[in-house]
Amino acid sequence: MSANFLQMIVASIGLVSIVQTSSDFFIVVKWAGVAYLSYLGLRLIFSKKDNTTNMDRQIRSSRSLYWQGFITSVANPKAVVFFAALFPQFINPAAPLLSQFAILSATYLIMDAMFLFSYGRLAAWISSKLKSSARQHLGKLSGSFLIGAAVLLGLKEVDTSL
């Protein structure tokens, strides 16, 4: 979550300067978001290999787990692109941008933390119960939802008036 917060700041700083100078930016970001979601969905749908691995089951310290998660997340350059594609969809260029970014960031972080906590608890239980074919079907379903989100984003009208 802390790595995502840093990535949101980077995305927000870049967006503020662009939003103030170019209304075409919103259209570009919208279609970049559509392309990215479509790519992720297609990748899941056409993935043939089972992505399960034999996890190392040794107990590690909370600090070690935090830094592993932080480094993994902060090293993902797609996250900045994701936030740069997500936030403009909910930004009113006529309203103060800083407060909008703060509200969007806090909302995202709280919801993501709740989801990740729940997902982690449930995934540990479900993963031992699913067979390889069920995992592949679940990946295809997830990919279909991502493509559906891309279609909905593509159909969304963008107000480019500043």
N, C-alpha and C. Protein backbone atom coordinates (compact mmCIF):
# COMPACT_ATOMS: atom_id res chain seq x y z
N MET A 1 0.83 -1.18 0.00
CA MET A 1 0.00 0.00 0.00
C MET A 1 0.88 1.26 0.00
N SER A 2 1.98 1.20 0.73
CA SER A 2 2.86 2.37 0.77
C SER A 2 3.54 2.59 -0.59
N ALA A 3 3.86 1.52 -1.29
CA ALA A 3 4.43 1.66 -2.63
C ALA A 3 3.39 2.23 -3.58
N ASN A 4 2.15 1.78 -3.47
CA ASN A 4 1.08 2.33 -4.30
C ASN A 4 0.89 3.81 -4.03
N PHE A 5 0.99 4.21 -2.77
CA PHE A 5 0.85 5.63 -2.43
C PHE A 5 1.93 6.46 -3.11
N LEU A 6 3.16 5.97 -3.09
CA LEU A 6 4.25 6.68 -3.76
C LEU A 6 3.99 6.77 -5.27
N GLN A 7 3.49 5.69 -5.85
CA GLN A 7 3.19 5.69 -7.28
C GLN A 7 2.04 6.64 -7.61
N MET A 8 1.07 6.76 -6.71
CA MET A 8 -0.03 7.70 -6.91
C MET A 8 0.49 9.14 -6.91
N ILE A 9 1.42 9.42 -6.02
CA ILE A 9 2.00 10.77 -5.97
C ILE A 9 2.71 11.08 -7.28
N VAL A 10 3.50 10.13 -7.77
CA VAL A 10 4.21 10.34 -9.04
C VAL A 10 3.21 10.56 -10.17
N ALA A 11 2.19 9.73 -10.24
CA ALA A 11 1.17 9.87 -11.29
C ALA A 11 0.44 11.21 -11.15
N SER A 12 0.12 11.58 -9.92
CA SER A 12 -0.63 12.81 -9.69
C SER A 12 0.18 14.06 -10.05
N ILE A 13 1.43 14.07 -9.70
CA ILE A 13 2.27 15.23 -10.02
C ILE A 13 2.36 15.40 -11.53
N GLY A 14 2.57 14.32 -12.22
CA GLY A 14 2.62 14.40 -13.68
C GLY A 14 1.29 14.79 -14.28
N LEU A 15 0.21 14.29 -13.72
CA LEU A 15 -1.11 14.59 -14.26
C LEU A 15 -1.50 16.04 -14.04
N VAL A 16 -1.17 16.59 -12.88
CA VAL A 16 -1.56 17.97 -12.59
C VAL A 16 -0.98 18.91 -13.64
N SER A 17 0.28 18.74 -13.98
CA SER A 17 0.89 19.63 -14.95
C SER A 17 0.30 19.43 -16.34
N ILE A 18 0.01 18.19 -16.69
CA ILE A 18 -0.56 17.92 -18.01
C ILE A 18 -2.00 18.38 -18.10
N VAL A 19 -2.78 18.13 -17.03
CA VAL A 19 -4.19 18.52 -17.02
C VAL A 19 -4.33 20.03 -17.21
N GLN A 20 -3.43 20.78 -16.62
CA GLN A 20 -3.53 22.23 -16.70
C GLN A 20 -3.15 22.77 -18.08
N THR A 21 -2.50 21.96 -18.90
CA THR A 21 -2.06 22.46 -20.21
C THR A 21 -2.72 21.79 -21.40
N SER A 22 -3.36 20.63 -21.21
CA SER A 22 -3.87 19.91 -22.38
C SER A 22 -5.15 19.15 -22.08
N SER A 23 -6.21 19.48 -22.79
CA SER A 23 -7.45 18.73 -22.64
C SER A 23 -7.41 17.43 -23.43
N ASP A 24 -6.55 17.35 -24.44
CA ASP A 24 -6.42 16.11 -25.22
C ASP A 24 -5.84 14.97 -24.39
N PHE A 25 -5.20 15.31 -23.31
CA PHE A 25 -4.60 14.31 -22.43
C PHE A 25 -5.64 13.30 -21.94
N PHE A 26 -6.84 13.79 -21.61
CA PHE A 26 -7.88 12.90 -21.10
C PHE A 26 -8.24 11.83 -22.13
N ILE A 27 -8.30 12.18 -23.38
CA ILE A 27 -8.63 11.22 -24.42
C ILE A 27 -7.51 10.20 -24.57
N VAL A 28 -6.27 10.66 -24.57
CA VAL A 28 -5.12 9.76 -24.70
C VAL A 28 -5.08 8.79 -23.53
N VAL A 29 -5.27 9.29 -22.32
CA VAL A 29 -5.23 8.44 -21.13
C VAL A 29 -6.37 7.42 -21.16
N LYS A 30 -7.53 7.86 -21.59
CA LYS A 30 -8.67 6.94 -21.68
C LYS A 30 -8.33 5.75 -22.58
N TRP A 31 -7.81 6.02 -23.77
CA TRP A 31 -7.53 4.94 -24.72
C TRP A 31 -6.31 4.13 -24.31
N ALA A 32 -5.38 4.74 -23.60
CA ALA A 32 -4.27 3.97 -23.04
C ALA A 32 -4.80 3.00 -21.99
N GLY A 33 -5.75 3.45 -21.18
CA GLY A 33 -6.37 2.58 -20.19
C GLY A 33 -7.12 1.43 -20.83
N VAL A 34 -7.84 1.72 -21.92
CA VAL A 34 -8.57 0.68 -22.66
C VAL A 34 -7.58 -0.36 -23.18
N ALA A 35 -6.50 0.09 -23.78
CA ALA A 35 -5.50 -0.82 -24.34
C ALA A 35 -4.86 -1.67 -23.25
N TYR A 36 -4.53 -1.05 -22.13
CA TYR A 36 -3.87 -1.77 -21.04
C TYR A 36 -4.79 -2.84 -20.45
N LEU A 37 -6.04 -2.48 -20.17
CA LEU A 37 -6.99 -3.46 -19.63
C LEU A 37 -7.22 -4.60 -20.62
N SER A 38 -7.31 -4.28 -21.90
CA SER A 38 -7.50 -5.31 -22.92
C SER A 38 -6.30 -6.25 -22.95
N TYR A 39 -5.10 -5.68 -22.90
CA TYR A 39 -3.88 -6.49 -22.90
C TYR A 39 -3.86 -7.45 -21.71
N LEU A 40 -4.17 -6.94 -20.51
CA LEU A 40 -4.17 -7.80 -19.33
C LEU A 40 -5.22 -8.90 -19.46
N GLY A 41 -6.39 -8.56 -19.96
CA GLY A 41 -7.45 -9.55 -20.13
C GLY A 41 -7.07 -10.62 -21.13
N LEU A 42 -6.54 -10.22 -22.27
CA LEU A 42 -6.14 -11.20 -23.28
C LEU A 42 -5.01 -12.09 -22.78
N ARG A 43 -4.11 -11.51 -22.02
CA ARG A 43 -3.01 -12.29 -21.46
C ARG A 43 -3.54 -13.39 -20.52
N LEU A 44 -4.54 -13.05 -19.73
CA LEU A 44 -5.13 -14.05 -18.84
C LEU A 44 -5.90 -15.11 -19.62
N ILE A 45 -6.63 -14.68 -20.63
CA ILE A 45 -7.44 -15.62 -21.41
C ILE A 45 -6.57 -16.62 -22.16
N PHE A 46 -5.48 -16.16 -22.74
CA PHE A 46 -4.65 -17.03 -23.57
C PHE A 46 -3.48 -17.66 -22.83
N SER A 47 -3.40 -17.44 -21.52
CA SER A 47 -2.35 -18.05 -20.73
C SER A 47 -2.58 -19.55 -20.66
N LYS A 48 -1.57 -20.33 -21.01
CA LYS A 48 -1.71 -21.78 -21.06
C LYS A 48 -1.08 -22.47 -19.85
N LYS A 49 -0.13 -21.81 -19.23
CA LYS A 49 0.56 -22.51 -18.15
C LYS A 49 -0.10 -22.20 -16.81
N ASP A 50 0.07 -23.12 -15.91
CA ASP A 50 -0.44 -22.98 -14.56
C ASP A 50 0.60 -22.17 -13.78
N ASN A 51 0.19 -21.04 -13.23
CA ASN A 51 1.13 -20.14 -12.57
C ASN A 51 1.40 -20.49 -11.12
N THR A 52 1.03 -21.67 -10.68
CA THR A 52 1.28 -22.03 -9.30
C THR A 52 2.72 -22.44 -9.13
N THR A 53 3.25 -22.16 -7.99
CA THR A 53 4.62 -22.56 -7.66
C THR A 53 4.60 -23.16 -6.26
N ASN A 54 5.65 -23.88 -5.95
CA ASN A 54 5.78 -24.37 -4.58
C ASN A 54 6.29 -23.23 -3.73
N MET A 55 5.36 -22.66 -2.96
CA MET A 55 5.70 -21.49 -2.14
C MET A 55 6.61 -21.92 -1.00
N ASP A 56 7.52 -21.05 -0.69
CA ASP A 56 8.37 -21.28 0.47
C ASP A 56 7.51 -21.06 1.71
N ARG A 57 7.38 -22.07 2.53
CA ARG A 57 6.45 -22.03 3.66
C ARG A 57 7.12 -21.59 4.97
N GLN A 58 8.35 -21.15 4.93
CA GLN A 58 8.99 -20.77 6.16
C GLN A 58 8.42 -19.46 6.69
N ILE A 59 8.41 -19.35 7.98
CA ILE A 59 7.87 -18.17 8.64
C ILE A 59 8.91 -17.05 8.54
N ARG A 60 8.44 -15.89 8.12
CA ARG A 60 9.32 -14.74 7.99
C ARG A 60 8.81 -13.61 8.86
N SER A 61 9.67 -12.67 9.18
CA SER A 61 9.27 -11.55 10.03
C SER A 61 8.36 -10.59 9.27
N SER A 62 7.59 -9.83 10.01
CA SER A 62 6.70 -8.84 9.38
C SER A 62 7.51 -7.82 8.58
N ARG A 63 8.65 -7.43 9.10
CA ARG A 63 9.50 -6.47 8.40
C ARG A 63 9.99 -7.03 7.07
N SER A 64 10.41 -8.28 7.08
CA SER A 64 10.87 -8.93 5.86
C SER A 64 9.74 -9.02 4.83
N LEU A 65 8.56 -9.39 5.29
CA LEU A 65 7.41 -9.47 4.39
C LEU A 65 7.04 -8.09 3.84
N TYR A 66 7.09 -7.06 4.69
CA TYR A 66 6.78 -5.70 4.24
C TYR A 66 7.73 -5.27 3.13
N TRP A 67 9.03 -5.43 3.35
CA TRP A 67 10.00 -4.98 2.36
C TRP A 67 9.92 -5.79 1.07
N GLN A 68 9.62 -7.07 1.19
CA GLN A 68 9.45 -7.87 -0.02
C GLN A 68 8.27 -7.34 -0.84
N GLY A 69 7.15 -7.07 -0.17
CA GLY A 69 5.98 -6.54 -0.86
C GLY A 69 6.22 -5.14 -1.39
N PHE A 70 6.90 -4.30 -0.62
CA PHE A 70 7.17 -2.93 -1.05
C PHE A 70 8.04 -2.91 -2.30
N ILE A 71 9.12 -3.67 -2.27
CA ILE A 71 10.04 -3.69 -3.41
C ILE A 71 9.36 -4.27 -4.65
N THR A 72 8.58 -5.32 -4.46
CA THR A 72 7.87 -5.92 -5.59
C THR A 72 6.91 -4.91 -6.20
N SER A 73 6.18 -4.21 -5.36
CA SER A 73 5.19 -3.25 -5.86
C SER A 73 5.83 -2.00 -6.46
N VAL A 74 6.80 -1.45 -5.79
CA VAL A 74 7.41 -0.20 -6.27
C VAL A 74 8.20 -0.43 -7.55
N ALA A 75 8.66 -1.66 -7.77
CA ALA A 75 9.41 -1.97 -8.99
C ALA A 75 8.50 -2.18 -10.20
N ASN A 76 7.20 -2.16 -10.00
CA ASN A 76 6.26 -2.36 -11.09
C ASN A 76 5.93 -1.01 -11.73
N PRO A 77 6.50 -0.71 -12.90
CA PRO A 77 6.24 0.59 -13.53
C PRO A 77 4.81 0.71 -14.05
N LYS A 78 4.12 -0.41 -14.19
CA LYS A 78 2.75 -0.37 -14.69
C LYS A 78 1.81 0.31 -13.71
N ALA A 79 2.15 0.31 -12.43
CA ALA A 79 1.27 0.90 -11.43
C ALA A 79 1.10 2.40 -11.66
N VAL A 80 2.18 3.11 -11.98
CA VAL A 80 2.08 4.54 -12.25
C VAL A 80 1.19 4.78 -13.46
N VAL A 81 1.35 3.95 -14.49
CA VAL A 81 0.51 4.06 -15.68
C VAL A 81 -0.95 3.77 -15.31
N PHE A 82 -1.16 2.78 -14.46
CA PHE A 82 -2.51 2.44 -14.02
C PHE A 82 -3.16 3.63 -13.32
N PHE A 83 -2.46 4.24 -12.36
CA PHE A 83 -3.04 5.38 -11.64
C PHE A 83 -3.21 6.58 -12.56
N ALA A 84 -2.28 6.75 -13.48
CA ALA A 84 -2.42 7.85 -14.45
C ALA A 84 -3.60 7.62 -15.38
N ALA A 85 -3.95 6.36 -15.63
CA ALA A 85 -5.11 6.06 -16.47
C ALA A 85 -6.41 6.08 -15.67
N LEU A 86 -6.34 5.69 -14.41
CA LEU A 86 -7.55 5.61 -13.58
C LEU A 86 -8.03 6.97 -13.09
N PHE A 87 -7.15 7.76 -12.52
CA PHE A 87 -7.57 8.99 -11.86
C PHE A 87 -8.27 10.00 -12.77
N PRO A 88 -7.79 10.23 -13.98
CA PRO A 88 -8.46 11.25 -14.81
C PRO A 88 -9.92 10.94 -15.11
N GLN A 89 -10.30 9.68 -15.01
CA GLN A 89 -11.69 9.32 -15.28
C GLN A 89 -12.62 9.91 -14.22
N PHE A 90 -12.08 10.27 -13.07
CA PHE A 90 -12.89 10.75 -11.96
C PHE A 90 -12.55 12.19 -11.56
N ILE A 91 -11.75 12.86 -12.37
CA ILE A 91 -11.29 14.21 -12.06
C ILE A 91 -12.16 15.24 -12.78
N ASN A 92 -12.55 16.25 -12.04
CA ASN A 92 -13.24 17.40 -12.63
C ASN A 92 -12.18 18.50 -12.79
N PRO A 93 -11.77 18.80 -14.02
CA PRO A 93 -10.69 19.78 -14.21
C PRO A 93 -11.01 21.17 -13.67
N ALA A 94 -12.30 21.47 -13.48
CA ALA A 94 -12.69 22.79 -12.98
C ALA A 94 -12.58 22.89 -11.47
N ALA A 95 -12.50 21.78 -10.78
CA ALA A 95 -12.42 21.77 -9.32
C ALA A 95 -10.96 21.67 -8.87
N PRO A 96 -10.68 21.99 -7.60
CA PRO A 96 -9.30 21.89 -7.10
C PRO A 96 -8.76 20.46 -7.25
N LEU A 97 -7.63 20.33 -7.91
CA LEU A 97 -7.09 19.01 -8.24
C LEU A 97 -6.48 18.29 -7.04
N LEU A 98 -5.80 19.01 -6.17
CA LEU A 98 -5.12 18.37 -5.05
C LEU A 98 -6.09 17.62 -4.15
N SER A 99 -7.21 18.25 -3.82
CA SER A 99 -8.18 17.57 -2.94
C SER A 99 -8.79 16.35 -3.65
N GLN A 100 -9.01 16.44 -4.96
CA GLN A 100 -9.55 15.31 -5.70
C GLN A 100 -8.57 14.14 -5.70
N PHE A 101 -7.29 14.43 -5.93
CA PHE A 101 -6.28 13.37 -5.90
C PHE A 101 -6.17 12.75 -4.51
N ALA A 102 -6.26 13.58 -3.47
CA ALA A 102 -6.18 13.07 -2.10
C ALA A 102 -7.34 12.14 -1.80
N ILE A 103 -8.54 12.52 -2.20
CA ILE A 103 -9.72 11.68 -1.95
C ILE A 103 -9.64 10.39 -2.76
N LEU A 104 -9.25 10.50 -4.03
CA LEU A 104 -9.11 9.29 -4.86
C LEU A 104 -8.06 8.34 -4.29
N SER A 105 -6.93 8.90 -3.87
CA SER A 105 -5.85 8.07 -3.32
C SER A 105 -6.28 7.37 -2.05
N ALA A 106 -6.88 8.12 -1.13
CA ALA A 106 -7.32 7.52 0.13
C ALA A 106 -8.38 6.45 -0.11
N THR A 107 -9.32 6.75 -0.98
CA THR A 107 -10.37 5.78 -1.29
C THR A 107 -9.78 4.51 -1.88
N TYR A 108 -8.87 4.68 -2.84
CA TYR A 108 -8.25 3.52 -3.46
C TYR A 108 -7.48 2.70 -2.44
N LEU A 109 -6.66 3.36 -1.61
CA LEU A 109 -5.82 2.64 -0.66
C LEU A 109 -6.65 1.88 0.38
N ILE A 110 -7.71 2.49 0.87
CA ILE A 110 -8.56 1.82 1.87
C ILE A 110 -9.26 0.61 1.25
N MET A 111 -9.84 0.83 0.08
CA MET A 111 -10.55 -0.28 -0.57
C MET A 111 -9.59 -1.39 -0.97
N ASP A 112 -8.42 -1.01 -1.47
CA ASP A 112 -7.44 -2.01 -1.88
C ASP A 112 -6.93 -2.80 -0.68
N ALA A 113 -6.69 -2.12 0.43
CA ALA A 113 -6.23 -2.81 1.64
C ALA A 113 -7.27 -3.81 2.13
N MET A 114 -8.54 -3.42 2.13
CA MET A 114 -9.59 -4.35 2.55
C MET A 114 -9.68 -5.53 1.60
N PHE A 115 -9.59 -5.25 0.30
CA PHE A 115 -9.66 -6.32 -0.68
C PHE A 115 -8.47 -7.26 -0.54
N LEU A 116 -7.26 -6.73 -0.45
CA LEU A 116 -6.08 -7.57 -0.38
C LEU A 116 -6.06 -8.44 0.88
N PHE A 117 -6.52 -7.88 1.97
CA PHE A 117 -6.59 -8.67 3.20
C PHE A 117 -7.57 -9.84 3.03
N SER A 118 -8.74 -9.52 2.52
CA SER A 118 -9.76 -10.56 2.32
C SER A 118 -9.30 -11.57 1.27
N TYR A 119 -8.73 -11.06 0.20
CA TYR A 119 -8.25 -11.93 -0.88
C TYR A 119 -7.16 -12.88 -0.38
N GLY A 120 -6.25 -12.37 0.39
CA GLY A 120 -5.16 -13.20 0.91
C GLY A 120 -5.67 -14.33 1.80
N ARG A 121 -6.60 -14.00 2.66
CA ARG A 121 -7.16 -15.02 3.56
C ARG A 121 -7.93 -16.09 2.78
N LEU A 122 -8.73 -15.64 1.83
CA LEU A 122 -9.54 -16.56 1.04
C LEU A 122 -8.68 -17.37 0.06
N ALA A 123 -7.70 -16.72 -0.55
CA ALA A 123 -6.85 -17.39 -1.54
C ALA A 123 -6.07 -18.54 -0.93
N ALA A 124 -5.60 -18.35 0.28
CA ALA A 124 -4.85 -19.42 0.94
C ALA A 124 -5.73 -20.66 1.11
N TRP A 125 -6.99 -20.44 1.42
CA TRP A 125 -7.91 -21.56 1.62
C TRP A 125 -8.31 -22.20 0.29
N ILE A 126 -8.61 -21.37 -0.71
CA ILE A 126 -9.10 -21.88 -2.00
C ILE A 126 -7.99 -22.56 -2.81
N SER A 127 -6.78 -22.03 -2.76
CA SER A 127 -5.71 -22.55 -3.62
C SER A 127 -5.44 -24.02 -3.40
N SER A 128 -5.62 -24.47 -2.18
CA SER A 128 -5.39 -25.90 -1.92
C SER A 128 -6.52 -26.77 -2.46
N LYS A 129 -7.66 -26.17 -2.74
CA LYS A 129 -8.83 -26.92 -3.19
C LYS A 129 -8.98 -26.97 -4.72
N LEU A 130 -8.38 -26.03 -5.43
CA LEU A 130 -8.57 -25.96 -6.88
C LEU A 130 -7.58 -26.84 -7.63
N LYS A 131 -8.08 -27.46 -8.67
CA LYS A 131 -7.23 -28.23 -9.57
C LYS A 131 -6.72 -27.29 -10.65
N SER A 132 -5.73 -27.72 -11.40
CA SER A 132 -5.12 -26.90 -12.44
C SER A 132 -6.13 -26.40 -13.46
N SER A 133 -7.05 -27.25 -13.90
CA SER A 133 -8.03 -26.84 -14.91
C SER A 133 -8.96 -25.76 -14.36
N ALA A 134 -9.31 -25.85 -13.08
CA ALA A 134 -10.16 -24.83 -12.47
C ALA A 134 -9.43 -23.49 -12.40
N ARG A 135 -8.15 -23.52 -12.14
CA ARG A 135 -7.35 -22.28 -12.11
C ARG A 135 -7.33 -21.63 -13.49
N GLN A 136 -7.20 -22.43 -14.53
CA GLN A 136 -7.18 -21.89 -15.89
C GLN A 136 -8.53 -21.28 -16.25
N HIS A 137 -9.62 -21.92 -15.86
CA HIS A 137 -10.96 -21.37 -16.13
C HIS A 137 -11.17 -20.06 -15.38
N LEU A 138 -10.69 -19.99 -14.16
CA LEU A 138 -10.80 -18.78 -13.37
C LEU A 138 -10.00 -17.65 -14.03
N GLY A 139 -8.84 -17.97 -14.58
CA GLY A 139 -8.03 -16.96 -15.29
C GLY A 139 -8.75 -16.44 -16.52
N LYS A 140 -9.40 -17.32 -17.24
CA LYS A 140 -10.15 -16.91 -18.43
C LYS A 140 -11.34 -16.03 -18.05
N LEU A 141 -12.01 -16.35 -16.97
CA LEU A 141 -13.13 -15.54 -16.50
C LEU A 141 -12.64 -14.15 -16.07
N SER A 142 -11.53 -14.12 -15.34
CA SER A 142 -10.95 -12.85 -14.91
C SER A 142 -10.54 -12.00 -16.11
N GLY A 143 -9.94 -12.64 -17.10
CA GLY A 143 -9.55 -11.92 -18.32
C GLY A 143 -10.76 -11.35 -19.04
N SER A 144 -11.85 -12.10 -19.06
CA SER A 144 -13.08 -11.61 -19.69
C SER A 144 -13.62 -10.38 -18.97
N PHE A 145 -13.54 -10.38 -17.64
CA PHE A 145 -13.99 -9.21 -16.89
C PHE A 145 -13.11 -7.99 -17.17
N LEU A 146 -11.81 -8.19 -17.31
CA LEU A 146 -10.92 -7.07 -17.64
C LEU A 146 -11.25 -6.51 -19.02
N ILE A 147 -11.52 -7.37 -19.97
CA ILE A 147 -11.88 -6.90 -21.31
C ILE A 147 -13.23 -6.17 -21.25
N GLY A 148 -14.15 -6.69 -20.47
CA GLY A 148 -15.43 -5.99 -20.28
C GLY A 148 -15.24 -4.60 -19.69
N ALA A 149 -14.34 -4.47 -18.72
CA ALA A 149 -14.04 -3.16 -18.15
C ALA A 149 -13.43 -2.24 -19.19
N ALA A 150 -12.58 -2.79 -20.06
CA ALA A 150 -11.97 -1.98 -21.12
C ALA A 150 -13.04 -1.48 -22.09
N VAL A 151 -14.00 -2.34 -22.42
CA VAL A 151 -15.09 -1.93 -23.33
C VAL A 151 -15.90 -0.81 -22.68
N LEU A 152 -16.25 -0.98 -21.41
CA LEU A 152 -17.02 0.06 -20.71
C LEU A 152 -16.26 1.38 -20.65
N LEU A 153 -14.95 1.30 -20.40
CA LEU A 153 -14.14 2.51 -20.38
C LEU A 153 -14.10 3.16 -21.76
N GLY A 154 -13.99 2.34 -22.80
CA GLY A 154 -13.98 2.87 -24.15
C GLY A 154 -15.29 3.55 -24.53
N LEU A 155 -16.40 3.07 -24.00
CA LEU A 155 -17.70 3.66 -24.30
C LEU A 155 -17.99 4.92 -23.47
N LYS A 156 -17.21 5.14 -22.42
CA LYS A 156 -17.44 6.29 -21.55
C LYS A 156 -17.08 7.58 -22.26
N GLU A 157 -17.98 8.54 -22.18
CA GLU A 157 -17.71 9.86 -22.74
C GLU A 157 -16.73 10.60 -21.85
N VAL A 158 -15.80 11.31 -22.47
CA VAL A 158 -14.82 12.09 -21.73
C VAL A 158 -15.10 13.55 -21.94
N ASP A 159 -15.29 14.29 -20.83
CA ASP A 159 -15.50 15.73 -20.93
C ASP A 159 -14.14 16.39 -21.01
N THR A 160 -13.82 16.92 -22.17
CA THR A 160 -12.48 17.50 -22.37
C THR A 160 -12.48 19.02 -22.23
N SER A 161 -13.59 19.60 -21.83
CA SER A 161 -13.61 21.06 -21.66
C SER A 161 -12.94 21.42 -20.35
N LEU A 162 -12.03 22.35 -20.38
CA LEU A 162 -11.32 22.76 -19.17
C LEU A 162 -11.91 24.00 -18.59
